[in-house]
Amino acid sequence: PYILGRDFAKEEMKEEVVQLGVQLSLYVAQSMFVLCDDIHSVLLFCYKLLSDATRYQHRGNLVTERLLRVIHYVYLKDIKP
């Protein structure tokens, strides 16, 4: 641990958090595709996901903003009502 530095554990943790965020975004997009036959189900899923994300949001957390971007992008580009 002394060779790698004191911030090595923090850097590994940051990389893991970024990877988990990417996986979450992919799971959200995949779920939207699974539900895309029923637009009501897609909108209900997105609403519940965003309401849960905003309920547990802390100051300086970008999870809600990124989830909204993923939902908006997938809905505009790939889901045809």
N, C-alpha and C. Protein backbone atom coordinates (compact mmCIF):
# COMPACT_ATOMS: atom_id res chain seq x y z
N PRO A 1 0.80 -1.21 0.00
CA PRO A 1 0.00 0.00 0.00
C PRO A 1 0.84 1.27 0.00
N TYR A 2 2.05 1.19 0.54
CA TYR A 2 2.87 2.40 0.60
C TYR A 2 3.44 2.74 -0.78
N ILE A 3 3.66 1.73 -1.61
CA ILE A 3 4.22 1.97 -2.94
C ILE A 3 3.18 2.65 -3.83
N LEU A 4 1.93 2.25 -3.72
CA LEU A 4 0.88 2.76 -4.60
C LEU A 4 0.37 4.12 -4.16
N GLY A 5 0.61 4.52 -2.95
CA GLY A 5 0.15 5.82 -2.48
C GLY A 5 -1.09 5.70 -1.62
N ARG A 6 -1.37 6.77 -0.94
CA ARG A 6 -2.52 6.77 -0.02
C ARG A 6 -3.86 6.89 -0.74
N ASP A 7 -3.86 7.52 -1.88
CA ASP A 7 -5.12 7.74 -2.60
C ASP A 7 -5.49 6.60 -3.53
N PHE A 8 -4.71 5.54 -3.53
CA PHE A 8 -4.98 4.43 -4.44
C PHE A 8 -6.34 3.79 -4.17
N ALA A 9 -6.68 3.59 -2.92
CA ALA A 9 -7.97 2.98 -2.57
C ALA A 9 -9.12 3.88 -2.99
N LYS A 10 -8.96 5.20 -2.83
CA LYS A 10 -10.00 6.13 -3.25
C LYS A 10 -10.20 6.09 -4.76
N GLU A 11 -9.10 6.03 -5.50
CA GLU A 11 -9.20 5.98 -6.96
C GLU A 11 -9.89 4.70 -7.42
N GLU A 12 -9.56 3.58 -6.79
CA GLU A 12 -10.23 2.33 -7.13
C GLU A 12 -11.72 2.42 -6.83
N MET A 13 -12.07 3.04 -5.72
CA MET A 13 -13.47 3.18 -5.35
C MET A 13 -14.21 4.08 -6.34
N LYS A 14 -13.57 5.16 -6.78
CA LYS A 14 -14.19 6.06 -7.76
C LYS A 14 -14.43 5.33 -9.07
N GLU A 15 -13.46 4.53 -9.50
CA GLU A 15 -13.63 3.77 -10.74
C GLU A 15 -14.78 2.77 -10.62
N GLU A 16 -14.90 2.14 -9.46
CA GLU A 16 -15.99 1.18 -9.25
C GLU A 16 -17.35 1.89 -9.26
N VAL A 17 -17.42 3.07 -8.68
CA VAL A 17 -18.68 3.83 -8.67
C VAL A 17 -19.07 4.21 -10.08
N VAL A 18 -18.11 4.65 -10.88
CA VAL A 18 -18.40 5.00 -12.27
C VAL A 18 -18.89 3.77 -13.03
N GLN A 19 -18.25 2.63 -12.82
CA GLN A 19 -18.68 1.41 -13.48
C GLN A 19 -20.10 1.01 -13.07
N LEU A 20 -20.43 1.16 -11.80
CA LEU A 20 -21.79 0.85 -11.35
C LEU A 20 -22.81 1.80 -11.97
N GLY A 21 -22.43 3.07 -12.14
CA GLY A 21 -23.32 4.03 -12.80
C GLY A 21 -23.58 3.66 -14.24
N VAL A 22 -22.54 3.21 -14.94
CA VAL A 22 -22.70 2.77 -16.32
C VAL A 22 -23.61 1.55 -16.39
N GLN A 23 -23.41 0.61 -15.50
CA GLN A 23 -24.26 -0.58 -15.47
C GLN A 23 -25.71 -0.21 -15.18
N LEU A 24 -25.94 0.72 -14.26
CA LEU A 24 -27.30 1.16 -13.96
C LEU A 24 -27.95 1.77 -15.19
N SER A 25 -27.21 2.60 -15.91
CA SER A 25 -27.74 3.22 -17.12
C SER A 25 -28.11 2.17 -18.16
N LEU A 26 -27.27 1.17 -18.32
CA LEU A 26 -27.56 0.11 -19.28
C LEU A 26 -28.78 -0.71 -18.86
N TYR A 27 -28.92 -0.98 -17.57
CA TYR A 27 -30.10 -1.72 -17.10
C TYR A 27 -31.38 -0.92 -17.29
N VAL A 28 -31.30 0.39 -17.09
CA VAL A 28 -32.48 1.24 -17.31
C VAL A 28 -32.87 1.21 -18.79
N ALA A 29 -31.90 1.36 -19.67
CA ALA A 29 -32.18 1.33 -21.11
C ALA A 29 -32.74 -0.03 -21.53
N GLN A 30 -32.16 -1.10 -21.01
CA GLN A 30 -32.64 -2.44 -21.33
C GLN A 30 -34.08 -2.64 -20.84
N SER A 31 -34.38 -2.17 -19.66
CA SER A 31 -35.74 -2.30 -19.13
C SER A 31 -36.74 -1.51 -19.97
N MET A 32 -36.32 -0.35 -20.46
CA MET A 32 -37.21 0.43 -21.30
C MET A 32 -37.51 -0.30 -22.61
N PHE A 33 -36.50 -0.98 -23.17
CA PHE A 33 -36.74 -1.75 -24.39
C PHE A 33 -37.67 -2.93 -24.14
N VAL A 34 -37.54 -3.57 -23.00
CA VAL A 34 -38.40 -4.70 -22.68
C VAL A 34 -39.85 -4.24 -22.55
N LEU A 35 -40.05 -3.06 -21.99
CA LEU A 35 -41.40 -2.54 -21.77
C LEU A 35 -41.94 -1.71 -22.93
N CYS A 36 -41.18 -1.57 -24.02
CA CYS A 36 -41.54 -0.59 -25.05
C CYS A 36 -42.83 -0.91 -25.80
N ASP A 37 -43.33 -2.13 -25.72
CA ASP A 37 -44.59 -2.45 -26.39
C ASP A 37 -45.77 -1.73 -25.74
N ASP A 38 -45.68 -1.48 -24.47
CA ASP A 38 -46.74 -0.79 -23.74
C ASP A 38 -46.19 0.53 -23.22
N ILE A 39 -46.53 1.63 -23.87
CA ILE A 39 -45.96 2.94 -23.53
C ILE A 39 -46.35 3.36 -22.12
N HIS A 40 -47.51 2.94 -21.66
CA HIS A 40 -47.93 3.25 -20.29
C HIS A 40 -46.97 2.62 -19.28
N SER A 41 -46.57 1.39 -19.53
CA SER A 41 -45.62 0.71 -18.63
C SER A 41 -44.26 1.40 -18.62
N VAL A 42 -43.82 1.86 -19.79
CA VAL A 42 -42.53 2.56 -19.87
C VAL A 42 -42.58 3.84 -19.05
N LEU A 43 -43.65 4.61 -19.23
CA LEU A 43 -43.75 5.88 -18.51
C LEU A 43 -43.89 5.66 -17.01
N LEU A 44 -44.63 4.64 -16.61
CA LEU A 44 -44.78 4.33 -15.20
C LEU A 44 -43.44 3.88 -14.60
N PHE A 45 -42.70 3.06 -15.33
CA PHE A 45 -41.38 2.63 -14.88
C PHE A 45 -40.45 3.82 -14.70
N CYS A 46 -40.42 4.72 -15.67
CA CYS A 46 -39.55 5.90 -15.60
C CYS A 46 -39.95 6.81 -14.45
N TYR A 47 -41.25 6.98 -14.26
CA TYR A 47 -41.74 7.83 -13.17
C TYR A 47 -41.32 7.26 -11.81
N LYS A 48 -41.53 5.96 -11.62
CA LYS A 48 -41.18 5.35 -10.33
C LYS A 48 -39.67 5.38 -10.10
N LEU A 49 -38.91 5.16 -11.15
CA LEU A 49 -37.45 5.20 -11.02
C LEU A 49 -36.96 6.59 -10.63
N LEU A 50 -37.49 7.61 -11.30
CA LEU A 50 -37.07 8.98 -10.98
C LEU A 50 -37.57 9.42 -9.61
N SER A 51 -38.76 9.01 -9.23
CA SER A 51 -39.25 9.41 -7.91
C SER A 51 -38.42 8.77 -6.80
N ASP A 52 -38.02 7.52 -6.98
CA ASP A 52 -37.14 6.88 -5.99
C ASP A 52 -35.76 7.54 -5.97
N ALA A 53 -35.25 7.90 -7.13
CA ALA A 53 -33.92 8.52 -7.19
C ALA A 53 -33.93 9.90 -6.54
N THR A 54 -35.00 10.66 -6.71
CA THR A 54 -35.04 11.99 -6.11
C THR A 54 -35.32 11.92 -4.61
N ARG A 55 -36.00 10.88 -4.17
CA ARG A 55 -36.30 10.74 -2.75
C ARG A 55 -35.02 10.53 -1.93
N TYR A 56 -34.10 9.77 -2.48
CA TYR A 56 -32.88 9.43 -1.75
C TYR A 56 -31.66 10.22 -2.21
N GLN A 57 -31.90 11.31 -2.90
CA GLN A 57 -30.79 12.10 -3.45
C GLN A 57 -30.14 12.95 -2.37
N HIS A 58 -28.82 12.99 -2.40
CA HIS A 58 -28.05 13.82 -1.49
C HIS A 58 -27.48 15.00 -2.26
N ARG A 59 -27.06 16.01 -1.56
CA ARG A 59 -26.50 17.20 -2.19
C ARG A 59 -25.24 16.82 -2.99
N GLY A 60 -25.16 17.30 -4.21
CA GLY A 60 -24.01 17.03 -5.05
C GLY A 60 -24.07 15.69 -5.78
N ASN A 61 -25.19 14.98 -5.70
CA ASN A 61 -25.34 13.70 -6.35
C ASN A 61 -25.91 13.90 -7.76
N LEU A 62 -25.30 13.28 -8.74
CA LEU A 62 -25.73 13.47 -10.13
C LEU A 62 -26.52 12.29 -10.68
N VAL A 63 -26.95 11.39 -9.81
CA VAL A 63 -27.64 10.18 -10.27
C VAL A 63 -28.93 10.53 -11.00
N THR A 64 -29.73 11.41 -10.43
CA THR A 64 -31.01 11.75 -11.03
C THR A 64 -30.83 12.39 -12.40
N GLU A 65 -29.88 13.29 -12.50
CA GLU A 65 -29.63 13.96 -13.79
C GLU A 65 -29.21 12.95 -14.85
N ARG A 66 -28.36 12.04 -14.50
CA ARG A 66 -27.89 11.05 -15.47
C ARG A 66 -28.98 10.06 -15.84
N LEU A 67 -29.80 9.67 -14.87
CA LEU A 67 -30.92 8.79 -15.19
C LEU A 67 -31.89 9.48 -16.14
N LEU A 68 -32.15 10.75 -15.90
CA LEU A 68 -33.05 11.49 -16.78
C LEU A 68 -32.48 11.58 -18.18
N ARG A 69 -31.19 11.78 -18.31
CA ARG A 69 -30.56 11.82 -19.63
C ARG A 69 -30.69 10.49 -20.36
N VAL A 70 -30.46 9.40 -19.65
CA VAL A 70 -30.58 8.07 -20.26
C VAL A 70 -32.01 7.83 -20.72
N ILE A 71 -32.97 8.11 -19.85
CA ILE A 71 -34.38 7.91 -20.18
C ILE A 71 -34.77 8.75 -21.38
N HIS A 72 -34.38 10.00 -21.39
CA HIS A 72 -34.71 10.91 -22.48
C HIS A 72 -34.09 10.44 -23.79
N TYR A 73 -32.83 10.05 -23.76
CA TYR A 73 -32.14 9.61 -24.98
C TYR A 73 -32.78 8.35 -25.55
N VAL A 74 -33.01 7.35 -24.71
CA VAL A 74 -33.59 6.09 -25.19
C VAL A 74 -35.00 6.32 -25.71
N TYR A 75 -35.77 7.14 -25.01
CA TYR A 75 -37.16 7.38 -25.43
C TYR A 75 -37.21 8.10 -26.78
N LEU A 76 -36.36 9.11 -26.96
CA LEU A 76 -36.39 9.87 -28.21
C LEU A 76 -35.82 9.09 -29.39
N LYS A 77 -34.76 8.35 -29.17
CA LYS A 77 -34.06 7.70 -30.28
C LYS A 77 -34.64 6.34 -30.66
N ASP A 78 -35.09 5.58 -29.69
CA ASP A 78 -35.39 4.18 -29.98
C ASP A 78 -36.82 3.73 -29.75
N ILE A 79 -37.60 4.46 -28.99
CA ILE A 79 -38.97 4.01 -28.70
C ILE A 79 -39.94 4.86 -29.51
N LYS A 80 -40.69 4.18 -30.35
CA LYS A 80 -41.68 4.85 -31.21
C LYS A 80 -43.08 4.57 -30.66
N PRO A 81 -43.77 5.61 -30.20
CA PRO A 81 -45.12 5.38 -29.64
C PRO A 81 -46.13 4.99 -30.71
